[in-house]
Amino acid sequence: MAIARHGLEKVNLEIGFVPLSACAPLAVANELGFFPKHGLDEVTLVRETSWRGIVDGMVGGYLDAAQMPSGMPLWLTLGGHENRPLPPSQRSNHDPQRQCHHPVQALLRSRDIHSVRF
């Protein structure tokens, strides 16, 4: 996969969430403009009604990322959904030696996310 811009693989993301207090970092980042500041053109927060919706979105490929309980990514990777493992990376040209430039990782490494005070 070619790098889109700003060293990121994608600049338009669909991020799934379940409306619980755990989705607050996504909502705050969206409201305070952290996504565009870190090179993302368009981030759409997709409200799902259940964890099942998150699983379906990740497996179906219509979500690029999602808020999940801590065990869900491991469960998906090990084949918990219909006994079909979901690879940790959907990239076709995955090179384990190459540093990952995923936009959400860049945001989490950013000092901006740590400067938010409630």
Protein backbone atom coordinates (compact mmCIF):
# COMPACT_ATOMS: atom_id res chain seq x y z
CA MET A 1 0.00 0.00 0.00
CA ALA A 2 1.34 3.41 -0.88
CA ILE A 3 1.78 6.08 1.75
CA ALA A 4 -1.06 8.61 1.34
CA ARG A 5 0.34 11.84 2.80
CA HIS A 6 2.16 13.07 5.86
CA GLY A 7 3.80 9.62 6.07
CA LEU A 8 0.44 8.04 6.90
CA GLU A 9 -1.06 5.01 5.19
CA LYS A 10 -4.56 6.50 5.28
CA VAL A 11 -5.79 10.03 5.87
CA ASN A 12 -9.53 9.27 5.93
CA LEU A 13 -10.68 6.96 8.71
CA GLU A 14 -13.91 5.39 9.91
CA ILE A 15 -13.54 4.74 13.65
CA GLY A 16 -16.21 2.70 15.41
CA PHE A 17 -17.30 3.32 18.97
CA VAL A 18 -19.93 2.22 21.45
CA PRO A 19 -21.38 5.23 23.31
CA LEU A 20 -19.84 4.55 26.73
CA SER A 21 -17.49 6.68 28.80
CA ALA A 22 -14.56 4.76 27.25
CA CYS A 23 -15.17 6.54 23.94
CA ALA A 24 -14.37 9.93 25.52
CA PRO A 25 -10.79 10.13 24.13
CA LEU A 26 -12.11 9.74 20.58
CA ALA A 27 -14.83 12.35 21.11
CA VAL A 28 -12.41 14.82 22.73
CA ALA A 29 -9.79 14.33 20.00
CA ASN A 30 -12.46 14.92 17.38
CA GLU A 31 -13.88 18.04 19.07
CA LEU A 32 -10.48 19.61 19.75
CA GLY A 33 -9.23 19.05 16.21
CA PHE A 34 -6.43 16.62 17.03
CA PHE A 35 -7.10 14.48 13.97
CA PRO A 36 -6.51 17.20 11.33
CA LYS A 37 -3.56 18.54 13.32
CA HIS A 38 -1.88 15.15 12.90
CA GLY A 39 -2.46 14.83 9.18
CA LEU A 40 -5.86 13.17 8.96
CA ASP A 41 -8.18 14.78 6.43
CA GLU A 42 -11.42 13.22 7.55
CA VAL A 43 -12.20 11.10 10.59
CA THR A 44 -15.73 9.82 10.92
CA LEU A 45 -16.79 8.44 14.29
CA VAL A 46 -19.23 5.63 13.59
CA ARG A 47 -21.65 4.92 16.44
CA GLU A 48 -22.37 1.24 16.92
CA THR A 49 -25.08 -0.02 19.25
CA SER A 50 -23.15 -3.02 20.55
CA TRP A 51 -19.78 -4.74 20.60
CA ARG A 52 -21.21 -7.07 17.95
CA GLY A 53 -21.46 -4.05 15.62
CA ILE A 54 -17.77 -3.31 16.25
CA VAL A 55 -16.84 -6.92 15.44
CA ASP A 56 -18.92 -6.86 12.25
CA GLY A 57 -17.37 -3.55 11.20
CA MET A 58 -13.81 -4.71 11.74
CA VAL A 59 -14.35 -8.09 10.09
CA GLY A 60 -16.41 -6.59 7.26
CA GLY A 61 -13.77 -3.94 6.60
CA TYR A 62 -16.04 -0.91 6.89
CA LEU A 63 -14.27 0.28 10.06
CA ASP A 64 -10.60 1.21 9.96
CA ALA A 65 -10.26 1.25 13.75
CA ALA A 66 -12.50 0.96 16.78
CA GLN A 67 -12.82 1.44 20.50
CA MET A 68 -12.79 -2.08 21.95
CA PRO A 69 -12.55 -3.88 25.27
CA SER A 70 -8.94 -4.92 25.83
CA GLY A 71 -9.48 -8.59 24.97
CA MET A 72 -11.37 -8.05 21.71
CA PRO A 73 -8.39 -7.39 19.40
CA LEU A 74 -6.71 -10.57 20.64
CA TRP A 75 -9.96 -12.51 20.29
CA LEU A 76 -10.34 -11.31 16.68
CA THR A 77 -6.71 -12.06 15.85
CA LEU A 78 -7.00 -15.60 17.21
CA GLY A 79 -10.13 -16.34 15.19
CA GLY A 80 -12.85 -15.74 17.74
CA HIS A 81 -15.24 -14.53 15.04
CA GLU A 82 -16.52 -17.50 12.98
CA ASN A 83 -13.20 -19.26 13.60
CA ARG A 84 -11.52 -16.97 11.02
CA PRO A 85 -8.48 -15.08 12.32
CA LEU A 86 -8.45 -11.38 11.49
CA PRO A 87 -4.87 -10.32 10.83
CA PRO A 88 -3.59 -7.51 13.07
CA SER A 89 -2.82 -5.57 9.90
CA GLN A 90 -5.00 -5.65 6.80
CA ARG A 91 -2.16 -4.24 4.64
CA SER A 92 -1.27 -6.45 1.69
CA ASN A 93 2.38 -5.37 1.63
CA HIS A 94 3.00 -5.76 5.34
CA ASP A 95 6.69 -5.49 6.15
CA PRO A 96 7.43 -6.20 9.82
CA GLN A 97 10.73 -4.31 9.57
CA ARG A 98 9.01 -1.12 8.44
CA GLN A 99 7.83 1.28 11.12
CA CYS A 100 4.06 1.52 11.20
CA HIS A 101 2.76 5.01 10.45
CA HIS A 102 -0.83 4.49 11.48
CA PRO A 103 -2.58 7.80 12.21
CA VAL A 104 -4.13 6.68 15.50
CA GLN A 105 -0.72 5.55 16.77
CA ALA A 106 0.72 8.93 15.82
CA LEU A 107 -2.06 10.64 17.76
CA LEU A 108 -1.51 8.52 20.84
CA ARG A 109 2.25 9.23 20.76
CA SER A 110 1.47 12.93 20.50
CA ARG A 111 1.82 15.20 23.49
CA ASP A 112 -1.54 16.78 22.63
CA ILE A 113 -3.56 13.86 23.91
CA HIS A 114 -1.77 14.06 27.26
CA SER A 115 -2.38 17.79 27.62
CA VAL A 116 -6.17 17.51 27.84
CA ARG A 117 -7.43 18.36 31.30
CA PHE A 118 -10.94 17.69 32.55
